[in-house]
Amino acid sequence: MNTLSRFLLTCLVFFNVLQGLAQNNKGRLQPGRLYEPGETLYAPRFGFIAKVPEGWEGMLPRETEVFLLMTTTSTYGEVFMFGREKGDLNSMRETWVKGFVLSETMRLKATDPAIADDMLMGEVVIEGEYINKAFKGFAVAKCNPSGPCITTLMVAPEQYYEAVKATVVQVMKNSSFEPPSTASPYAKFDWNEFLSNKVLVTYGFEQGGSKESEIHLCADGTFSADIKKTGFMKNQNPEYRGRSAGKWTVTGSGPSATIQFTFSGKKSIPVLEAPLLIEDEKVLSNGERYFVGQSDKCK
């Protein structure tokens, strides 16, 4: 990602809210996962439905609320999709013409944006220091009759501008809306599917500190763990700590569940049950955050 694109992504996170854009087939998708051509993007909060175009792939970078599309062909370009809770194309056009400040040294504005086919479109100019003049921008906005609006902003070198612009216009033209929904994205969360073949890790100081505990949960119902002084076993029997293995199960659906560990070779140690909670893309147990990744120990 070039410097200008990184800057735009950072700024857009502060200017817009797009919670729940990464939804696929009405089901919750995980930040950081790569979405391939043809996959459906569904944003229930905005009622927005679109597809990843051919020759592109997309992702919702962790800790952001802006969906990013990147080309997979020799044509270079990047596309940022973000939303706003309420708006209309006429008022958005006025804002685009006036422009708005991204930072103390940068300003974003559109040149002669026009409304056609229920979409607001226009070339975007970024004014300020340290701007790569070889890159050009274009934006398209579309609004749900119920109120929310989606904006797609593209950035590409001048030689690829027309090709990327055509893709963006087509994606937005083929997108659709349904009534927005504020239902929890975790209302029917499948914990067993989510945890199978995953590793749960805690760190002393979040991701910047030392690894405290690591639990591998395999789809065949077995687990292996290396537990230190924190995590599920916090304030529990000290014999739970250290290296262990056995069977795991999880019960419950929705944002909360209970995970159960049965230890092999440790008959004197009782079965351990621990609560699980997912909120704001974070998995918690007893108030402690667990980072979830693909296990390299499950076959």
C-alpha atoms as a PDB file:
ATOM      1  CA  MET A   1       0.000   0.000   0.000  1.00  0.00           C
ATOM      2  CA  ASN A   2       1.522   3.357  -0.973  1.00  0.00           C
ATOM      3  CA  THR A   3       1.982   6.207   1.512  1.00  0.00           C
ATOM      4  CA  LEU A   4      -0.949   8.209   0.157  1.00  0.00           C
ATOM      5  CA  SER A   5      -3.289   5.212   0.422  1.00  0.00           C
ATOM      6  CA  ARG A   6      -2.198   4.483   3.980  1.00  0.00           C
ATOM      7  CA  PHE A   7      -2.848   8.106   4.876  1.00  0.00           C
ATOM      8  CA  LEU A   8      -6.285   8.059   3.267  1.00  0.00           C
ATOM      9  CA  LEU A   9      -7.201   4.837   5.068  1.00  0.00           C
ATOM     10  CA  THR A  10      -6.141   6.293   8.416  1.00  0.00           C
ATOM     11  CA  CYS A  11      -8.110   9.487   7.851  1.00  0.00           C
ATOM     12  CA  LEU A  12     -11.253   7.731   6.644  1.00  0.00           C
ATOM     13  CA  VAL A  13     -11.343   5.672   9.824  1.00  0.00           C
ATOM     14  CA  PHE A  14     -11.806   8.876  11.800  1.00  0.00           C
ATOM     15  CA  PHE A  15     -14.322  10.478   9.453  1.00  0.00           C
ATOM     16  CA  ASN A  16     -16.650   7.530   8.886  1.00  0.00           C
ATOM     17  CA  VAL A  17     -18.289   4.592  10.608  1.00  0.00           C
ATOM     18  CA  LEU A  18     -18.719   1.283   8.773  1.00  0.00           C
ATOM     19  CA  GLN A  19     -19.354  -1.282  11.470  1.00  0.00           C
ATOM     20  CA  GLY A  20     -20.474  -4.533   9.958  1.00  0.00           C
ATOM     21  CA  LEU A  21     -19.512  -3.959   6.315  1.00  0.00           C
ATOM     22  CA  ALA A  22     -17.640  -7.265   6.208  1.00  0.00           C
ATOM     23  CA  GLN A  23     -20.637  -9.579   6.199  1.00  0.00           C
ATOM     24  CA  ASN A  24     -20.915 -12.508   3.784  1.00  0.00           C
ATOM     25  CA  ASN A  25     -24.141 -14.337   2.933  1.00  0.00           C
ATOM     26  CA  LYS A  26     -25.761 -12.666   5.948  1.00  0.00           C
ATOM     27  CA  GLY A  27     -23.029 -14.135   8.191  1.00  0.00           C
ATOM     28  CA  ARG A  28     -20.296 -12.424  10.152  1.00  0.00           C
ATOM     29  CA  LEU A  29     -16.850 -12.311   8.521  1.00  0.00           C
ATOM     30  CA  GLN A  30     -13.621 -11.727  10.395  1.00  0.00           C
ATOM     31  CA  PRO A  31     -11.409  -8.627  10.079  1.00  0.00           C
ATOM     32  CA  GLY A  32      -8.100  -9.446   8.439  1.00  0.00           C
ATOM     33  CA  ARG A  33      -9.507 -12.207   6.234  1.00  0.00           C
ATOM     34  CA  LEU A  34      -9.078 -11.876   2.470  1.00  0.00           C
ATOM     35  CA  TYR A  35     -12.266 -11.926   0.377  1.00  0.00           C
ATOM     36  CA  GLU A  36     -12.078 -13.205  -3.171  1.00  0.00           C
ATOM     37  CA  PRO A  37     -13.810 -12.138  -6.401  1.00  0.00           C
ATOM     38  CA  GLY A  38     -17.527 -12.854  -6.392  1.00  0.00           C
ATOM     39  CA  GLU A  39     -17.932 -12.908  -2.600  1.00  0.00           C
ATOM     40  CA  THR A  40     -20.851 -10.916  -1.228  1.00  0.00           C
ATOM     41  CA  LEU A  41     -20.345  -7.928   1.049  1.00  0.00           C
ATOM     42  CA  TYR A  42     -23.342  -7.240   3.251  1.00  0.00           C
ATOM     43  CA  ALA A  43     -23.601  -4.284   5.625  1.00  0.00           C
ATOM     44  CA  PRO A  44     -26.819  -4.770   7.622  1.00  0.00           C
ATOM     45  CA  ARG A  45     -26.396  -1.503   9.482  1.00  0.00           C
ATOM     46  CA  PHE A  46     -26.584   0.319   6.149  1.00  0.00           C
ATOM     47  CA  GLY A  47     -28.607  -2.318   4.285  1.00  0.00           C
ATOM     48  CA  PHE A  48     -25.892  -2.344   1.603  1.00  0.00           C
ATOM     49  CA  ILE A  49     -25.123  -5.377  -0.580  1.00  0.00           C
ATOM     50  CA  ALA A  50     -22.313  -5.611  -3.152  1.00  0.00           C
ATOM     51  CA  LYS A  51     -19.849  -8.103  -4.610  1.00  0.00           C
ATOM     52  CA  VAL A  52     -16.064  -8.151  -4.833  1.00  0.00           C
ATOM     53  CA  PRO A  53     -15.356  -7.592  -8.559  1.00  0.00           C
ATOM     54  CA  GLU A  54     -13.297  -9.891 -10.773  1.00  0.00           C
ATOM     55  CA  GLY A  55      -9.593  -9.106 -10.637  1.00  0.00           C
ATOM     56  CA  TRP A  56      -9.898  -7.701  -7.120  1.00  0.00           C
ATOM     57  CA  GLU A  57      -9.746  -8.929  -3.536  1.00  0.00           C
ATOM     58  CA  GLY A  58     -10.936  -7.256  -0.374  1.00  0.00           C
ATOM     59  CA  MET A  59     -10.405  -7.110   3.354  1.00  0.00           C
ATOM     60  CA  LEU A  60     -11.471  -5.240   6.454  1.00  0.00           C
ATOM     61  CA  PRO A  61      -8.125  -4.352   8.093  1.00  0.00           C
ATOM     62  CA  ARG A  62      -8.082  -4.978  11.850  1.00  0.00           C
ATOM     63  CA  GLU A  63      -8.939  -2.020  14.075  1.00  0.00           C
ATOM     64  CA  THR A  64     -10.532  -0.119  11.143  1.00  0.00           C
ATOM     65  CA  GLU A  65     -14.026   0.414   9.787  1.00  0.00           C
ATOM     66  CA  VAL A  66     -13.104   0.982   6.149  1.00  0.00           C
ATOM     67  CA  PHE A  67     -13.300  -1.903   3.679  1.00  0.00           C
ATOM     68  CA  LEU A  68     -10.320  -2.055   1.323  1.00  0.00           C
ATOM     69  CA  LEU A  69     -10.289  -3.482  -2.218  1.00  0.00           C
ATOM     70  CA  MET A  70      -6.997  -4.180  -4.009  1.00  0.00           C
ATOM     71  CA  THR A  71      -6.308  -5.270  -7.601  1.00  0.00           C
ATOM     72  CA  THR A  72      -4.828  -8.698  -8.272  1.00  0.00           C
ATOM     73  CA  THR A  73      -3.863  -7.931 -11.869  1.00  0.00           C
ATOM     74  CA  SER A  74      -1.207  -5.719 -13.442  1.00  0.00           C
ATOM     75  CA  THR A  75      -3.664  -2.831 -13.253  1.00  0.00           C
ATOM     76  CA  TYR A  76      -2.811  -1.037 -10.020  1.00  0.00           C
ATOM     77  CA  GLY A  77      -5.360   0.652  -7.814  1.00  0.00           C
ATOM     78  CA  GLU A  78      -6.936   0.686  -4.358  1.00  0.00           C
ATOM     79  CA  VAL A  79     -10.545   1.272  -3.368  1.00  0.00           C
ATOM     80  CA  PHE A  80     -11.932   2.310   0.023  1.00  0.00           C
ATOM     81  CA  MET A  81     -15.589   1.685   0.914  1.00  0.00           C
ATOM     82  CA  PHE A  82     -17.131   3.458   3.887  1.00  0.00           C
ATOM     83  CA  GLY A  83     -20.533   4.594   5.118  1.00  0.00           C
ATOM     84  CA  ARG A  84     -22.444   7.252   7.002  1.00  0.00           C
ATOM     85  CA  GLU A  85     -25.554   6.812   9.097  1.00  0.00           C
ATOM     86  CA  LYS A  86     -27.664   9.408   7.316  1.00  0.00           C
ATOM     87  CA  GLY A  87     -27.459  11.623   4.266  1.00  0.00           C
ATOM     88  CA  ASP A  88     -28.631  12.418   0.765  1.00  0.00           C
ATOM     89  CA  LEU A  89     -26.817  12.914  -2.513  1.00  0.00           C
ATOM     90  CA  ASN A  90     -27.549  16.637  -2.826  1.00  0.00           C
ATOM     91  CA  SER A  91     -26.100  17.543   0.578  1.00  0.00           C
ATOM     92  CA  MET A  92     -23.166  15.207  -0.028  1.00  0.00           C
ATOM     93  CA  ARG A  93     -22.482  16.957  -3.321  1.00  0.00           C
ATOM     94  CA  GLU A  94     -22.253  20.304  -1.520  1.00  0.00           C
ATOM     95  CA  THR A  95     -19.784  18.833   0.962  1.00  0.00           C
ATOM     96  CA  TRP A  96     -17.695  17.298  -1.801  1.00  0.00           C
ATOM     97  CA  VAL A  97     -17.502  20.621  -3.660  1.00  0.00           C
ATOM     98  CA  LYS A  98     -16.468  22.528  -0.534  1.00  0.00           C
ATOM     99  CA  GLY A  99     -14.036  19.805   0.459  1.00  0.00           C
ATOM    100  CA  PHE A 100     -12.922  18.889   3.927  1.00  0.00           C
ATOM    101  CA  VAL A 101      -9.671  18.858   5.841  1.00  0.00           C
ATOM    102  CA  LEU A 102      -7.860  15.542   6.267  1.00  0.00           C
ATOM    103  CA  SER A 103      -4.968  16.994   8.243  1.00  0.00           C
ATOM    104  CA  GLU A 104      -3.185  20.290   8.850  1.00  0.00           C
ATOM    105  CA  THR A 105      -1.532  19.984   5.452  1.00  0.00           C
ATOM    106  CA  MET A 106      -4.048  18.034   3.340  1.00  0.00           C
ATOM    107  CA  ARG A 107      -7.532  18.717   1.989  1.00  0.00           C
ATOM    108  CA  LEU A 108      -9.878  16.516  -0.050  1.00  0.00           C
ATOM    109  CA  LYS A 109     -12.416  17.867  -2.549  1.00  0.00           C
ATOM    110  CA  ALA A 110     -14.262  16.753  -5.662  1.00  0.00           C
ATOM    111  CA  THR A 111     -14.230  18.598  -8.976  1.00  0.00           C
ATOM    112  CA  ASP A 112     -17.644  19.020 -10.642  1.00  0.00           C
ATOM    113  CA  PRO A 113     -19.364  16.032  -8.964  1.00  0.00           C
ATOM    114  CA  ALA A 114     -22.633  15.092 -10.658  1.00  0.00           C
ATOM    115  CA  ILE A 115     -25.669  12.984  -9.808  1.00  0.00           C
ATOM    116  CA  ALA A 116     -26.669  10.339 -12.363  1.00  0.00           C
ATOM    117  CA  ASP A 117     -28.391   6.954 -12.100  1.00  0.00           C
ATOM    118  CA  ASP A 118     -29.066   7.584  -8.384  1.00  0.00           C
ATOM    119  CA  MET A 119     -25.328   7.935  -7.741  1.00  0.00           C
ATOM    120  CA  LEU A 120     -23.080  10.915  -6.950  1.00  0.00           C
ATOM    121  CA  MET A 121     -19.802  10.733  -8.884  1.00  0.00           C
ATOM    122  CA  GLY A 122     -16.782  12.939  -9.343  1.00  0.00           C
ATOM    123  CA  GLU A 123     -13.015  13.142  -9.657  1.00  0.00           C
ATOM    124  CA  VAL A 124     -11.323  13.713  -6.316  1.00  0.00           C
ATOM    125  CA  VAL A 125      -8.376  16.037  -5.801  1.00  0.00           C
ATOM    126  CA  ILE A 126      -6.128  15.917  -2.759  1.00  0.00           C
ATOM    127  CA  GLU A 127      -4.508  19.258  -2.059  1.00  0.00           C
ATOM    128  CA  GLY A 128      -1.466  19.778   0.137  1.00  0.00           C
ATOM    129  CA  GLU A 129       2.195  19.001   0.557  1.00  0.00           C
ATOM    130  CA  TYR A 130       3.877  15.695  -0.289  1.00  0.00           C
ATOM    131  CA  ILE A 131       1.083  14.577  -2.641  1.00  0.00           C
ATOM    132  CA  ASN A 132       2.097  12.238  -5.451  1.00  0.00           C
ATOM    133  CA  LYS A 133       0.687  14.047  -8.476  1.00  0.00           C
ATOM    134  CA  ALA A 134       0.885  10.841 -10.530  1.00  0.00           C
ATOM    135  CA  PHE A 135      -2.062   9.437  -8.548  1.00  0.00           C
ATOM    136  CA  LYS A 136      -5.667  10.381  -9.248  1.00  0.00           C
ATOM    137  CA  GLY A 137      -8.829   9.800  -7.242  1.00  0.00           C
ATOM    138  CA  PHE A 138     -12.496   9.233  -8.004  1.00  0.00           C
ATOM    139  CA  ALA A 139     -15.493   8.820  -5.694  1.00  0.00           C
ATOM    140  CA  VAL A 140     -18.976   7.357  -6.056  1.00  0.00           C
ATOM    141  CA  ALA A 141     -21.746   7.608  -3.459  1.00  0.00           C
ATOM    142  CA  LYS A 142     -25.095   5.855  -3.261  1.00  0.00           C
ATOM    143  CA  CYS A 143     -27.823   6.202  -0.638  1.00  0.00           C
ATOM    144  CA  ASN A 144     -30.317   3.788   0.841  1.00  0.00           C
ATOM    145  CA  PRO A 145     -33.910   5.151   0.585  1.00  0.00           C
ATOM    146  CA  SER A 146     -34.040   4.521   4.342  1.00  0.00           C
ATOM    147  CA  GLY A 147     -31.253   7.025   5.022  1.00  0.00           C
ATOM    148  CA  PRO A 148     -27.700   5.560   5.179  1.00  0.00           C
ATOM    149  CA  CYS A 149     -25.205   6.233   2.383  1.00  0.00           C
ATOM    150  CA  ILE A 150     -22.151   4.370   1.076  1.00  0.00           C
ATOM    151  CA  THR A 151     -19.154   6.092  -0.508  1.00  0.00           C
ATOM    152  CA  THR A 152     -16.486   4.346  -2.570  1.00  0.00           C
ATOM    153  CA  LEU A 153     -13.197   6.191  -3.064  1.00  0.00           C
ATOM    154  CA  MET A 154     -10.546   4.960  -5.509  1.00  0.00           C
ATOM    155  CA  VAL A 155      -6.887   5.909  -5.822  1.00  0.00           C
ATOM    156  CA  ALA A 156      -4.794   4.863  -8.819  1.00  0.00           C
ATOM    157  CA  PRO A 157      -1.827   5.987 -10.940  1.00  0.00           C
ATOM    158  CA  GLU A 158      -2.930   8.124 -13.863  1.00  0.00           C
ATOM    159  CA  GLN A 159      -2.292   5.364 -16.422  1.00  0.00           C
ATOM    160  CA  TYR A 160      -4.738   3.033 -14.626  1.00  0.00           C
ATOM    161  CA  TYR A 161      -7.276   5.669 -13.620  1.00  0.00           C
ATOM    162  CA  GLU A 162      -9.932   4.978 -16.262  1.00  0.00           C
ATOM    163  CA  ALA A 163      -9.822   1.183 -15.781  1.00  0.00           C
ATOM    164  CA  VAL A 164     -10.153   1.377 -11.994  1.00  0.00           C
ATOM    165  CA  LYS A 165     -12.804   4.083 -12.252  1.00  0.00           C
ATOM    166  CA  ALA A 166     -14.888   1.860 -14.547  1.00  0.00           C
ATOM    167  CA  THR A 167     -14.676  -0.995 -12.013  1.00  0.00           C
ATOM    168  CA  VAL A 168     -15.770   1.236  -9.128  1.00  0.00           C
ATOM    169  CA  VAL A 169     -18.724   2.631 -11.055  1.00  0.00           C
ATOM    170  CA  GLN A 170     -19.809  -0.879 -12.059  1.00  0.00           C
ATOM    171  CA  VAL A 171     -19.566  -2.227  -8.486  1.00  0.00           C
ATOM    172  CA  MET A 172     -21.705   0.603  -7.147  1.00  0.00           C
ATOM    173  CA  LYS A 173     -24.140   0.414 -10.044  1.00  0.00           C
ATOM    174  CA  ASN A 174     -24.688  -3.308  -9.395  1.00  0.00           C
ATOM    175  CA  SER A 175     -24.970  -2.861  -5.618  1.00  0.00           C
ATOM    176  CA  SER A 176     -28.336  -2.832  -3.881  1.00  0.00           C
ATOM    177  CA  PHE A 177     -30.016  -1.819  -0.649  1.00  0.00           C
ATOM    178  CA  GLU A 178     -32.427  -3.385   1.780  1.00  0.00           C
ATOM    179  CA  PRO A 179     -33.887  -1.922   4.989  1.00  0.00           C
ATOM    180  CA  PRO A 180     -31.077  -1.340   7.526  1.00  0.00           C
ATOM    181  CA  SER A 181     -30.915  -3.644  10.528  1.00  0.00           C
ATOM    182  CA  THR A 182     -29.482  -2.954  13.972  1.00  0.00           C
ATOM    183  CA  ALA A 183     -29.648  -6.595  15.007  1.00  0.00           C
ATOM    184  CA  SER A 184     -26.513  -7.859  16.708  1.00  0.00           C
ATOM    185  CA  PRO A 185     -24.098  -9.472  14.238  1.00  0.00           C
ATOM    186  CA  TYR A 186     -23.497 -12.136  16.889  1.00  0.00           C
ATOM    187  CA  ALA A 187     -27.155 -13.078  17.437  1.00  0.00           C
ATOM    188  CA  LYS A 188     -26.620 -16.527  15.879  1.00  0.00           C
ATOM    189  CA  PHE A 189     -22.871 -16.794  16.323  1.00  0.00           C
ATOM    190  CA  ASP A 190     -21.600 -20.382  15.876  1.00  0.00           C
ATOM    191  CA  TRP A 191     -18.861 -20.808  18.464  1.00  0.00           C
ATOM    192  CA  ASN A 192     -17.980 -24.372  17.511  1.00  0.00           C
ATOM    193  CA  GLU A 193     -17.376 -23.430  13.881  1.00  0.00           C
ATOM    194  CA  PHE A 194     -15.502 -20.290  14.890  1.00  0.00           C
ATOM    195  CA  LEU A 195     -13.150 -22.029  17.355  1.00  0.00           C
ATOM    196  CA  SER A 196     -12.420 -25.249  15.447  1.00  0.00           C
ATOM    197  CA  ASN A 197      -8.784 -25.479  14.310  1.00  0.00           C
ATOM    198  CA  LYS A 198      -8.006 -22.167  15.970  1.00  0.00           C
ATOM    199  CA  VAL A 199      -5.427 -21.097  18.539  1.00  0.00           C
ATOM    200  CA  LEU A 200      -6.337 -18.753  21.393  1.00  0.00           C
ATOM    201  CA  VAL A 201      -3.486 -16.602  22.684  1.00  0.00           C
ATOM    202  CA  THR A 202      -3.134 -14.098  25.513  1.00  0.00           C
ATOM    203  CA  TYR A 203      -0.336 -11.558  25.835  1.00  0.00           C
ATOM    204  CA  GLY A 204       1.089  -9.813  28.873  1.00  0.00           C
ATOM    205  CA  PHE A 205       0.545  -6.383  27.340  1.00  0.00           C
ATOM    206  CA  GLU A 206      -1.899  -7.097  24.526  1.00  0.00           C
ATOM    207  CA  GLN A 207      -0.110  -7.852  21.246  1.00  0.00           C
ATOM    208  CA  GLY A 208       2.965  -5.855  22.193  1.00  0.00           C
ATOM    209  CA  GLY A 209       3.890  -8.007  25.195  1.00  0.00           C
ATOM    210  CA  SER A 210       5.059 -11.517  25.881  1.00  0.00           C
ATOM    211  CA  LYS A 211       2.843 -14.518  25.149  1.00  0.00           C
ATOM    212  CA  GLU A 212       1.159 -15.717  28.359  1.00  0.00           C
ATOM    213  CA  SER A 213      -1.100 -18.604  27.286  1.00  0.00           C
ATOM    214  CA  GLU A 214      -1.715 -20.590  24.117  1.00  0.00           C
ATOM    215  CA  ILE A 215      -4.564 -23.049  23.526  1.00  0.00           C
ATOM    216  CA  HIS A 216      -4.999 -25.019  20.287  1.00  0.00           C
ATOM    217  CA  LEU A 217      -8.592 -26.190  19.659  1.00  0.00           C
ATOM    218  CA  CYS A 218      -8.799 -28.841  16.939  1.00  0.00           C
ATOM    219  CA  ALA A 219     -11.938 -29.714  14.994  1.00  0.00           C
ATOM    220  CA  ASP A 220     -11.790 -33.334  16.218  1.00  0.00           C
ATOM    221  CA  GLY A 221     -12.518 -32.114  19.752  1.00  0.00           C
ATOM    222  CA  THR A 222      -8.968 -32.323  21.114  1.00  0.00           C
ATOM    223  CA  PHE A 223      -6.908 -29.505  22.557  1.00  0.00           C
ATOM    224  CA  SER A 224      -3.314 -28.843  23.541  1.00  0.00           C
ATOM    225  CA  ALA A 225      -2.274 -25.945  25.707  1.00  0.00           C
ATOM    226  CA  ASP A 226       0.600 -24.135  27.343  1.00  0.00           C
ATOM    227  CA  ILE A 227      -0.882 -22.104  30.190  1.00  0.00           C
ATOM    228  CA  LYS A 228       0.905 -19.590  32.371  1.00  0.00           C
ATOM    229  CA  LYS A 229      -0.541 -17.462  35.158  1.00  0.00           C
ATOM    230  CA  THR A 230      -3.304 -15.762  33.207  1.00  0.00           C
ATOM    231  CA  GLY A 231      -6.157 -16.723  30.945  1.00  0.00           C
ATOM    232  CA  PHE A 232      -8.910 -19.280  31.485  1.00  0.00           C
ATOM    233  CA  MET A 233      -7.044 -20.687  34.459  1.00  0.00           C
ATOM    234  CA  LYS A 234      -6.747 -17.370  36.279  1.00  0.00           C
ATOM    235  CA  ASN A 235      -7.654 -17.811  39.961  1.00  0.00           C
ATOM    236  CA  GLN A 236      -8.184 -21.500  39.257  1.00  0.00           C
ATOM    237  CA  ASN A 237      -6.461 -24.697  40.394  1.00  0.00           C
ATOM    238  CA  PRO A 238      -2.697 -24.155  39.840  1.00  0.00           C
ATOM    239  CA  GLU A 239      -2.477 -27.644  38.343  1.00  0.00           C
ATOM    240  CA  TYR A 240      -4.276 -26.356  35.257  1.00  0.00           C
ATOM    241  CA  ARG A 241      -1.136 -24.418  34.371  1.00  0.00           C
ATOM    242  CA  GLY A 242       1.729 -25.635  32.244  1.00  0.00           C
ATOM    243  CA  ARG A 243       1.485 -27.991  29.264  1.00  0.00           C
ATOM    244  CA  SER A 244      -1.675 -30.044  28.978  1.00  0.00           C
ATOM    245  CA  ALA A 245      -3.968 -31.810  26.496  1.00  0.00           C
ATOM    246  CA  GLY A 246      -7.417 -33.363  26.389  1.00  0.00           C
ATOM    247  CA  LYS A 247     -10.900 -32.782  25.000  1.00  0.00           C
ATOM    248  CA  TRP A 248     -12.817 -29.526  24.523  1.00  0.00           C
ATOM    249  CA  THR A 249     -16.462 -28.671  23.864  1.00  0.00           C
ATOM    250  CA  VAL A 250     -18.331 -25.399  23.627  1.00  0.00           C
ATOM    251  CA  THR A 251     -22.015 -24.791  24.341  1.00  0.00           C
ATOM    252  CA  GLY A 252     -24.181 -21.786  23.606  1.00  0.00           C
ATOM    253  CA  SER A 253     -24.825 -19.547  20.624  1.00  0.00           C
ATOM    254  CA  GLY A 254     -24.937 -15.817  20.232  1.00  0.00           C
ATOM    255  CA  PRO A 255     -22.445 -13.425  21.839  1.00  0.00           C
ATOM    256  CA  SER A 256     -21.770 -15.627  24.891  1.00  0.00           C
ATOM    257  CA  ALA A 257     -20.930 -19.291  25.407  1.00  0.00           C
ATOM    258  CA  THR A 258     -19.174 -21.696  27.766  1.00  0.00           C
ATOM    259  CA  ILE A 259     -16.086 -23.714  26.853  1.00  0.00           C
ATOM    260  CA  GLN A 260     -15.271 -26.921  28.724  1.00  0.00           C
ATOM    261  CA  PHE A 261     -11.879 -28.637  29.028  1.00  0.00           C
ATOM    262  CA  THR A 262     -11.457 -32.270  30.093  1.00  0.00           C
ATOM    263  CA  PHE A 263      -7.805 -33.048  30.805  1.00  0.00           C
ATOM    264  CA  SER A 264      -6.266 -36.346  29.745  1.00  0.00           C
ATOM    265  CA  GLY A 265      -3.834 -38.085  32.092  1.00  0.00           C
ATOM    266  CA  LYS A 266      -4.901 -35.836  34.950  1.00  0.00           C
ATOM    267  CA  LYS A 267      -7.845 -37.680  36.465  1.00  0.00           C
ATOM    268  CA  SER A 268      -7.556 -35.821  39.758  1.00  0.00           C
ATOM    269  CA  ILE A 269      -8.081 -32.466  38.074  1.00  0.00           C
ATOM    270  CA  PRO A 270     -11.761 -31.526  37.638  1.00  0.00           C
ATOM    271  CA  VAL A 271     -13.245 -30.482  34.314  1.00  0.00           C
ATOM    272  CA  LEU A 272     -12.713 -26.776  33.710  1.00  0.00           C
ATOM    273  CA  GLU A 273     -15.512 -24.528  32.445  1.00  0.00           C
ATOM    274  CA  ALA A 274     -14.894 -20.944  31.361  1.00  0.00           C
ATOM    275  CA  PRO A 275     -17.186 -18.242  29.947  1.00  0.00           C
ATOM    276  CA  LEU A 276     -16.655 -16.787  26.482  1.00  0.00           C
ATOM    277  CA  LEU A 277     -17.868 -13.447  25.162  1.00  0.00           C
ATOM    278  CA  ILE A 278     -17.458 -11.783  21.776  1.00  0.00           C
ATOM    279  CA  GLU A 279     -18.038  -8.059  21.389  1.00  0.00           C
ATOM    280  CA  ASP A 280     -16.599  -5.416  19.067  1.00  0.00           C
ATOM    281  CA  GLU A 281     -14.596  -8.125  17.253  1.00  0.00           C
ATOM    282  CA  LYS A 282     -12.892  -9.122  20.520  1.00  0.00           C
ATOM    283  CA  VAL A 283     -13.043 -12.516  22.259  1.00  0.00           C
ATOM    284  CA  LEU A 284     -12.993 -12.292  26.049  1.00  0.00           C
ATOM    285  CA  SER A 285     -12.951 -14.752  28.946  1.00  0.00           C
ATOM    286  CA  ASN A 286     -13.247 -13.531  32.526  1.00  0.00           C
ATOM    287  CA  GLY A 287     -12.532 -10.027  31.268  1.00  0.00           C
ATOM    288  CA  GLU A 288      -9.283 -11.017  29.542  1.00  0.00           C
ATOM    289  CA  ARG A 289      -8.836 -10.703  25.786  1.00  0.00           C
ATOM    290  CA  TYR A 290      -7.895 -13.690  23.628  1.00  0.00           C
ATOM    291  CA  PHE A 291      -6.450 -13.258  20.144  1.00  0.00           C
ATOM    292  CA  VAL A 292      -7.759 -15.857  17.711  1.00  0.00           C
ATOM    293  CA  GLY A 293      -5.703 -17.268  14.834  1.00  0.00           C
ATOM    294  CA  GLN A 294      -5.390 -20.366  12.672  1.00  0.00           C
ATOM    295  CA  SER A 295      -3.765 -23.249  14.561  1.00  0.00           C
ATOM    296  CA  ASP A 296      -0.598 -24.778  13.138  1.00  0.00           C
ATOM    297  CA  LYS A 297      -0.941 -27.850  15.358  1.00  0.00           C
ATOM    298  CA  CYS A 298      -4.319 -29.164  14.192  1.00  0.00           C
ATOM    299  CA  LYS A 299      -4.321 -31.545  11.235  1.00  0.00           C
END
